[in-house]
């Protein structure tokens, strides 16, 4: 069987990460940096398309690789309409929604567009995999106490799904046969209940649910928020919910390593704040255990903060009675994207259709 060559594209606000995989092995990886001056000339995210495509194609050529040798191109999925998990072949409807920003403008919207425009002249397929809008929540999980206000599924779907598959392998089970609680620890923190290959409930860290994070407020008392709206400009309050909340608000930094250094230097307040964040993460894990009716095969901790043994231990000591804790530090989004494309190319699953 011919080994498959896949170009992976993950656009960020000031960079574009690319990698070329031969099967599951990286043969080239690079981060293309974009200065604020270079991007300032573009009025919208989509207007950056040609600029970023030219940089990608030039980087591939400089690396001594040939686009014609690719079997597929896969891009990071953007803010599309809510969809179920999986690998989706880029189609006209998806391109339209990515270009107009159907749920908002974000650099990741360029992922599917770039993948398509590079792959299409080669006669090769283009894909996206598990964007943040993956929505597999059960009907009961959507309710709030105010009719017309529903909980939304926005989370680290790509990394949660990829790491859940790794944990299932450690349990010698297919992902679809295990019940897992997956905790993504990064600038945002999301906690999801995985069962039968679906995330049936998850904290929406972007909109102010779940634990506080290095940069986000987490859940807040509703009446206190009402009082804040009378004092603060809505834009300022939005920033405190996502961007300047959490550790940034309490300690002036979003870097857990810096907080740990302050703790080691004798800062008791820093220790209490960081322990409070771990406490809230553990409490969210407990809530998801009830979603799974106590039938939990493993608690899976991932993301950048998972490199910090002390923080992880604070979560583990409160949750290990529920199920064994598996730790997979960091996140390898490029590999997760390549793996999603490979599952389709090797006919392990069918590409889904975005409608």
Protein backbone atom coordinates (compact mmCIF):
# COMPACT_ATOMS: atom_id res chain seq x y z
CA UNK A 1 0.00 0.00 0.00
CA UNK A 2 1.41 3.40 -1.00
CA UNK A 3 2.25 5.62 1.93
CA UNK A 4 0.12 8.76 2.00
CA UNK A 5 1.64 12.24 1.99
CA UNK A 6 -0.44 14.90 3.71
CA UNK A 7 0.04 18.66 4.03
CA UNK A 8 -1.42 20.02 7.26
CA UNK A 9 -2.26 23.73 7.73
CA UNK A 10 -3.14 25.36 11.06
CA UNK A 11 -3.61 29.15 10.73
CA UNK A 12 -3.32 31.31 13.85
CA UNK A 13 -3.75 35.02 14.35
CA UNK A 14 -0.05 35.86 13.73
CA UNK A 15 1.32 32.59 12.32
CA UNK A 16 0.54 29.64 10.08
CA UNK A 17 1.80 26.26 11.27
CA UNK A 18 2.38 23.72 8.53
CA UNK A 19 3.64 20.16 8.41
CA UNK A 20 4.05 17.46 5.80
CA UNK A 21 3.37 13.94 7.02
CA UNK A 22 4.24 10.64 5.38
CA UNK A 23 1.64 8.48 7.06
CA UNK A 24 2.00 9.39 10.76
CA UNK A 25 5.62 10.58 10.52
CA UNK A 26 6.53 14.26 10.14
CA UNK A 27 8.95 14.87 7.30
CA UNK A 28 8.79 18.67 7.52
CA UNK A 29 7.33 21.06 10.09
CA UNK A 30 7.50 24.84 10.16
CA UNK A 31 5.84 27.86 11.73
CA UNK A 32 5.41 30.78 9.33
CA UNK A 33 5.35 34.04 11.27
CA UNK A 34 3.26 37.04 10.18
CA UNK A 35 4.09 40.48 11.55
CA UNK A 36 1.37 42.90 12.56
CA UNK A 37 2.61 45.23 9.81
CA UNK A 38 2.18 42.51 7.17
CA UNK A 39 -1.36 41.71 8.32
CA UNK A 40 -2.45 45.33 8.90
CA UNK A 41 -3.00 45.89 5.17
CA UNK A 42 -5.83 43.33 5.12
CA UNK A 43 -9.28 44.44 6.20
CA UNK A 44 -10.64 40.95 6.90
CA UNK A 45 -9.30 37.50 7.75
CA UNK A 46 -10.27 36.17 4.32
CA UNK A 47 -8.29 38.91 2.56
CA UNK A 48 -5.13 37.31 4.05
CA UNK A 49 -5.75 34.18 1.96
CA UNK A 50 -3.41 34.83 -1.00
CA UNK A 51 -0.64 36.11 1.27
CA UNK A 52 -0.72 33.00 3.44
CA UNK A 53 -1.06 30.59 0.51
CA UNK A 54 2.01 32.05 -1.19
CA UNK A 55 4.01 31.71 2.04
CA UNK A 56 2.95 28.06 2.41
CA UNK A 57 3.77 27.14 -1.18
CA UNK A 58 7.13 28.93 -0.96
CA UNK A 59 7.99 27.15 2.30
CA UNK A 60 7.18 23.75 0.78
CA UNK A 61 9.37 24.49 -2.22
CA UNK A 62 12.24 25.78 -0.04
CA UNK A 63 12.06 22.55 1.98
CA UNK A 64 12.71 20.60 -1.22
CA UNK A 65 9.23 19.06 -1.30
CA UNK A 66 6.76 18.90 -4.17
CA UNK A 67 3.05 19.72 -3.90
CA UNK A 68 2.36 17.19 -6.67
CA UNK A 69 3.46 14.38 -4.33
CA UNK A 70 0.65 15.12 -1.86
CA UNK A 71 -2.31 12.79 -1.46
CA UNK A 72 -4.41 15.27 0.53
CA UNK A 73 -4.37 18.65 2.26
CA UNK A 74 -6.05 19.13 5.63
CA UNK A 75 -6.71 22.44 7.39
CA UNK A 76 -7.82 23.46 10.84
CA UNK A 77 -11.60 23.82 10.90
CA UNK A 78 -13.01 27.25 11.67
CA UNK A 79 -16.17 28.78 13.09
CA UNK A 80 -18.71 26.84 11.05
CA UNK A 81 -22.25 25.89 11.95
CA UNK A 82 -22.41 23.23 14.71
CA UNK A 83 -21.47 19.79 13.36
CA UNK A 84 -20.82 16.30 14.68
CA UNK A 85 -17.27 15.07 15.15
CA UNK A 86 -15.27 13.70 12.25
CA UNK A 87 -13.27 14.45 9.13
CA UNK A 88 -15.13 16.57 6.58
CA UNK A 89 -14.23 16.99 2.93
CA UNK A 90 -14.21 20.67 2.04
CA UNK A 91 -17.14 21.55 -0.22
CA UNK A 92 -18.73 24.68 -1.65
CA UNK A 93 -21.12 25.16 1.29
CA UNK A 94 -18.25 24.98 3.76
CA UNK A 95 -16.14 27.40 1.74
CA UNK A 96 -19.01 29.88 1.65
CA UNK A 97 -19.54 29.71 5.43
CA UNK A 98 -15.80 30.00 6.13
CA UNK A 99 -15.42 33.01 3.86
CA UNK A 100 -18.35 34.96 5.31
CA UNK A 101 -17.64 33.85 8.88
CA UNK A 102 -21.06 32.35 9.57
CA UNK A 103 -20.31 32.21 13.33
CA UNK A 104 -17.60 34.85 13.43
CA UNK A 105 -14.22 35.81 12.03
CA UNK A 106 -11.22 33.81 13.19
CA UNK A 107 -7.87 32.93 11.61
CA UNK A 108 -8.80 29.23 11.75
CA UNK A 109 -11.51 29.97 9.14
CA UNK A 110 -8.68 30.12 6.62
CA UNK A 111 -7.68 26.50 7.26
CA UNK A 112 -10.33 24.86 5.11
CA UNK A 113 -10.04 27.52 2.38
CA UNK A 114 -6.26 27.18 2.13
CA UNK A 115 -6.51 23.38 2.10
CA UNK A 116 -9.04 23.45 -0.74
CA UNK A 117 -7.25 26.01 -2.90
CA UNK A 118 -3.93 24.14 -2.65
CA UNK A 119 -5.43 20.66 -3.16
CA UNK A 120 -7.99 21.43 -5.88
CA UNK A 121 -5.50 22.23 -8.72
CA UNK A 122 -3.69 18.98 -7.85
CA UNK A 123 -6.89 16.96 -8.15
CA UNK A 124 -6.51 15.90 -4.50
CA UNK A 125 -9.05 15.98 -1.65
CA UNK A 126 -9.04 18.60 1.09
CA UNK A 127 -10.37 18.11 4.61
CA UNK A 128 -10.98 19.69 7.99
CA UNK A 129 -11.08 17.72 11.25
CA UNK A 130 -13.01 18.30 14.50
CA UNK A 131 -13.34 22.11 14.60
CA UNK A 132 -14.21 23.90 17.86
CA UNK A 133 -17.91 23.91 16.90
CA UNK A 134 -18.26 20.11 17.15
CA UNK A 135 -21.64 19.62 18.84
CA UNK A 136 -22.74 16.19 20.10
CA UNK A 137 -24.46 17.38 23.28
CA UNK A 138 -27.52 15.57 24.56
CA UNK A 139 -30.81 17.55 24.68
CA UNK A 140 -30.82 17.66 28.49
CA UNK A 141 -27.36 19.24 28.48
CA UNK A 142 -28.57 22.22 26.45
CA UNK A 143 -31.10 23.53 28.97
CA UNK A 144 -30.67 26.61 31.13
CA UNK A 145 -33.21 28.14 33.47
CA UNK A 146 -34.17 30.78 30.91
CA UNK A 147 -36.15 29.62 27.84
CA UNK A 148 -34.42 30.71 24.66
CA UNK A 149 -30.97 30.70 26.27
CA UNK A 150 -29.27 27.39 25.46
CA UNK A 151 -25.87 26.04 26.39
CA UNK A 152 -23.56 25.77 23.38
CA UNK A 153 -20.83 23.28 22.55
CA UNK A 154 -17.59 25.18 21.93
CA UNK A 155 -14.46 23.39 23.11
CA UNK A 156 -11.03 22.00 22.22
CA UNK A 157 -12.61 19.29 20.10
CA UNK A 158 -9.56 18.45 17.98
CA UNK A 159 -7.25 17.81 20.93
CA UNK A 160 -9.91 16.26 23.20
CA UNK A 161 -10.88 13.73 20.54
CA UNK A 162 -7.28 12.88 19.58
CA UNK A 163 -6.15 12.40 23.18
CA UNK A 164 -9.29 10.41 24.04
CA UNK A 165 -8.31 7.94 21.30
CA UNK A 166 -4.82 7.62 22.82
CA UNK A 167 -6.31 6.96 26.26
CA UNK A 168 -8.65 4.33 24.81
CA UNK A 169 -5.62 2.57 23.31
CA UNK A 170 -4.03 2.44 26.77
CA UNK A 171 -7.24 0.82 27.99
CA UNK A 172 -7.04 -1.65 25.08
CA UNK A 173 -10.44 -0.52 23.87
CA UNK A 174 -11.75 1.37 20.84
CA UNK A 175 -12.63 5.00 21.58
CA UNK A 176 -16.30 4.22 20.90
CA UNK A 177 -16.34 1.60 23.70
CA UNK A 178 -15.06 3.71 26.62
CA UNK A 179 -16.43 6.40 28.91
CA UNK A 180 -13.90 9.16 29.51
CA UNK A 181 -13.76 12.58 31.11
CA UNK A 182 -11.25 14.67 29.16
CA UNK A 183 -9.73 17.82 30.64
CA UNK A 184 -7.95 20.24 28.29
CA UNK A 185 -5.70 22.59 30.29
CA UNK A 186 -4.54 25.61 28.30
CA UNK A 187 -5.23 29.33 28.13
CA UNK A 188 -8.78 28.04 27.97
CA UNK A 189 -9.92 24.99 29.93
CA UNK A 190 -12.69 22.65 28.81
CA UNK A 191 -13.96 19.46 30.44
CA UNK A 192 -15.92 16.96 28.35
CA UNK A 193 -17.88 13.76 28.95
CA UNK A 194 -17.06 11.23 26.19
CA UNK A 195 -19.22 8.15 25.65
CA UNK A 196 -19.70 5.90 22.61
CA UNK A 197 -17.39 8.19 20.64
CA UNK A 198 -19.43 11.33 21.35
CA UNK A 199 -18.94 14.31 23.67
CA UNK A 200 -22.41 14.44 25.19
CA UNK A 201 -21.70 17.34 27.54
CA UNK A 202 -18.81 19.81 27.79
CA UNK A 203 -18.00 23.09 29.49
CA UNK A 204 -18.03 26.06 27.12
CA UNK A 205 -14.93 27.86 28.32
CA UNK A 206 -15.30 30.65 25.77
CA UNK A 207 -18.73 31.85 26.93
CA UNK A 208 -18.02 31.71 30.66
CA UNK A 209 -18.70 28.16 31.85
CA UNK A 210 -16.73 25.72 33.95
CA UNK A 211 -13.51 26.53 35.84
CA UNK A 212 -11.58 29.76 35.68
CA UNK A 213 -8.50 29.48 33.48
CA UNK A 214 -5.25 31.38 32.96
CA UNK A 215 -7.17 33.92 30.85
CA UNK A 216 -10.91 33.31 31.38
CA UNK A 217 -13.33 33.95 34.21
CA UNK A 218 -15.15 30.62 34.13
CA UNK A 219 -18.66 30.48 35.59
CA UNK A 220 -19.80 33.61 37.45
CA UNK A 221 -22.76 34.37 39.77
CA UNK A 222 -25.39 35.77 37.40
CA UNK A 223 -26.59 38.61 39.63
CA UNK A 224 -23.02 39.78 40.21
CA UNK A 225 -22.54 39.94 36.45
CA UNK A 226 -25.68 42.09 36.19
CA UNK A 227 -24.19 44.48 38.75
CA UNK A 228 -20.93 44.57 36.77
CA UNK A 229 -22.76 45.54 33.58
CA UNK A 230 -23.85 48.74 35.32
CA UNK A 231 -20.24 49.59 36.14
CA UNK A 232 -18.22 48.37 33.17
CA UNK A 233 -18.29 48.92 29.43
CA UNK A 234 -19.56 45.71 27.73
CA UNK A 235 -16.30 45.39 25.78
CA UNK A 236 -14.30 45.54 29.04
CA UNK A 237 -16.56 42.95 30.67
CA UNK A 238 -16.27 40.67 27.64
CA UNK A 239 -12.50 40.87 27.93
CA UNK A 240 -12.67 39.93 31.60
CA UNK A 241 -14.75 36.87 30.72
CA UNK A 242 -12.38 35.77 27.96
CA UNK A 243 -8.93 37.27 27.74
CA UNK A 244 -8.25 39.14 30.98
CA UNK A 245 -9.98 36.95 33.54
CA UNK A 246 -8.72 34.06 35.66
CA UNK A 247 -5.05 34.11 36.58
CA UNK A 248 -4.51 37.31 34.58
CA UNK A 249 -7.10 39.12 36.71
CA UNK A 250 -5.90 37.70 40.04
CA UNK A 251 -2.14 37.56 39.49
CA UNK A 252 -1.35 39.61 36.38
CA UNK A 253 -0.02 36.66 34.35
CA UNK A 254 -1.37 33.79 32.24
CA UNK A 255 1.80 31.71 32.70
CA UNK A 256 1.37 28.90 35.22
CA UNK A 257 5.14 28.43 35.32
CA UNK A 258 5.52 31.99 36.57
CA UNK A 259 2.84 31.40 39.20
CA UNK A 260 4.63 28.25 40.40
CA UNK A 261 7.90 30.23 40.68
CA UNK A 262 6.10 32.81 42.82
CA UNK A 263 4.68 30.05 45.01
CA UNK A 264 8.15 28.55 45.45
CA UNK A 265 9.37 32.00 46.48
CA UNK A 266 6.78 32.08 49.27
CA UNK A 267 3.77 33.81 47.65
CA UNK A 268 0.82 32.31 49.58
CA UNK A 269 -1.77 34.29 47.60
CA UNK A 270 -0.48 32.92 44.30
CA UNK A 271 -0.72 29.39 45.71
CA UNK A 272 -4.31 29.89 46.86
CA UNK A 273 -5.40 31.28 43.47
CA UNK A 274 -3.77 28.43 41.55
CA UNK A 275 -5.19 25.84 43.92
CA UNK A 276 -8.63 27.44 43.42
CA UNK A 277 -8.27 26.93 39.68
CA UNK A 278 -7.38 23.25 40.20
CA UNK A 279 -10.30 22.93 42.64
CA UNK A 280 -12.70 24.26 40.01
CA UNK A 281 -11.30 21.91 37.35
CA UNK A 282 -11.78 18.95 39.70
CA UNK A 283 -15.33 20.07 40.46
CA UNK A 284 -16.12 20.11 36.73
CA UNK A 285 -14.73 16.58 36.45
CA UNK A 286 -17.08 15.50 39.23
CA UNK A 287 -20.01 17.06 37.40
CA UNK A 288 -19.16 15.16 34.22
CA UNK A 289 -18.95 11.93 36.24
CA UNK A 290 -22.65 12.37 37.03
CA UNK A 291 -23.35 12.87 33.30
CA UNK A 292 -21.79 9.44 32.74
CA UNK A 293 -23.76 8.03 35.70
CA UNK A 294 -20.53 7.17 37.50
CA UNK A 295 -19.43 4.75 34.77
CA UNK A 296 -16.05 6.32 34.04
CA UNK A 297 -13.16 4.31 32.57
CA UNK A 298 -10.63 7.11 32.85
CA UNK A 299 -10.01 10.79 33.51
CA UNK A 300 -7.71 12.18 30.80
CA UNK A 301 -5.68 15.35 31.39
CA UNK A 302 -4.06 17.11 28.44
CA UNK A 303 -2.97 20.54 27.20
CA UNK A 304 0.03 22.72 27.98
CA UNK A 305 -0.61 23.05 31.73
CA UNK A 306 -0.60 19.24 31.99
CA UNK A 307 3.22 19.50 31.91
CA UNK A 308 2.98 20.92 35.45
CA UNK A 309 3.01 17.93 37.80
CA UNK A 310 2.00 19.95 40.85
CA UNK A 311 -1.13 21.40 39.25
CA UNK A 312 -2.13 18.00 37.85
CA UNK A 313 -1.61 16.39 41.27
CA UNK A 314 -4.06 18.85 42.84
CA UNK A 315 -6.69 17.74 40.33
CA UNK A 316 -5.84 14.06 40.73
CA UNK A 317 -6.11 14.03 44.52
CA UNK A 318 -9.73 15.23 44.26
CA UNK A 319 -10.78 13.02 41.35
CA UNK A 320 -8.84 9.74 41.48
CA UNK A 321 -11.66 8.11 43.48
CA UNK A 322 -13.80 8.39 40.33
CA UNK A 323 -11.45 6.63 37.87
CA UNK A 324 -7.75 6.27 36.97
CA UNK A 325 -6.12 9.50 35.79
CA UNK A 326 -4.15 9.47 32.51
CA UNK A 327 -1.90 12.43 31.68
CA UNK A 328 -0.95 13.36 28.10
CA UNK A 329 0.84 16.74 28.32
CA UNK A 330 0.69 19.22 25.46
CA UNK A 331 -1.35 19.10 22.31
CA UNK A 332 -0.26 17.96 18.86
CA UNK A 333 -2.90 19.52 16.65
CA UNK A 334 -0.93 19.01 13.45
CA UNK A 335 -0.74 15.26 14.02
CA UNK A 336 -4.41 15.15 15.05
CA UNK A 337 -5.33 16.79 11.74
CA UNK A 338 -3.13 14.38 9.77
CA UNK A 339 -4.60 11.38 11.62
CA UNK A 340 -8.11 12.52 10.73
CA UNK A 341 -7.22 12.66 7.04
CA UNK A 342 -5.44 9.28 7.21
CA UNK A 343 -8.51 7.58 8.66
CA UNK A 344 -10.42 8.62 5.54
CA UNK A 345 -7.64 7.90 3.04
CA UNK A 346 -7.22 4.40 4.47
CA UNK A 347 -10.99 3.83 4.46
CA UNK A 348 -11.18 3.47 8.25
CA UNK A 349 -14.03 5.96 8.17
CA UNK A 350 -15.90 7.94 5.54
CA UNK A 351 -15.49 11.66 5.06
CA UNK A 352 -18.54 13.53 6.30
CA UNK A 353 -20.48 16.07 4.26
CA UNK A 354 -20.97 19.61 5.54
CA UNK A 355 -24.50 20.82 4.78
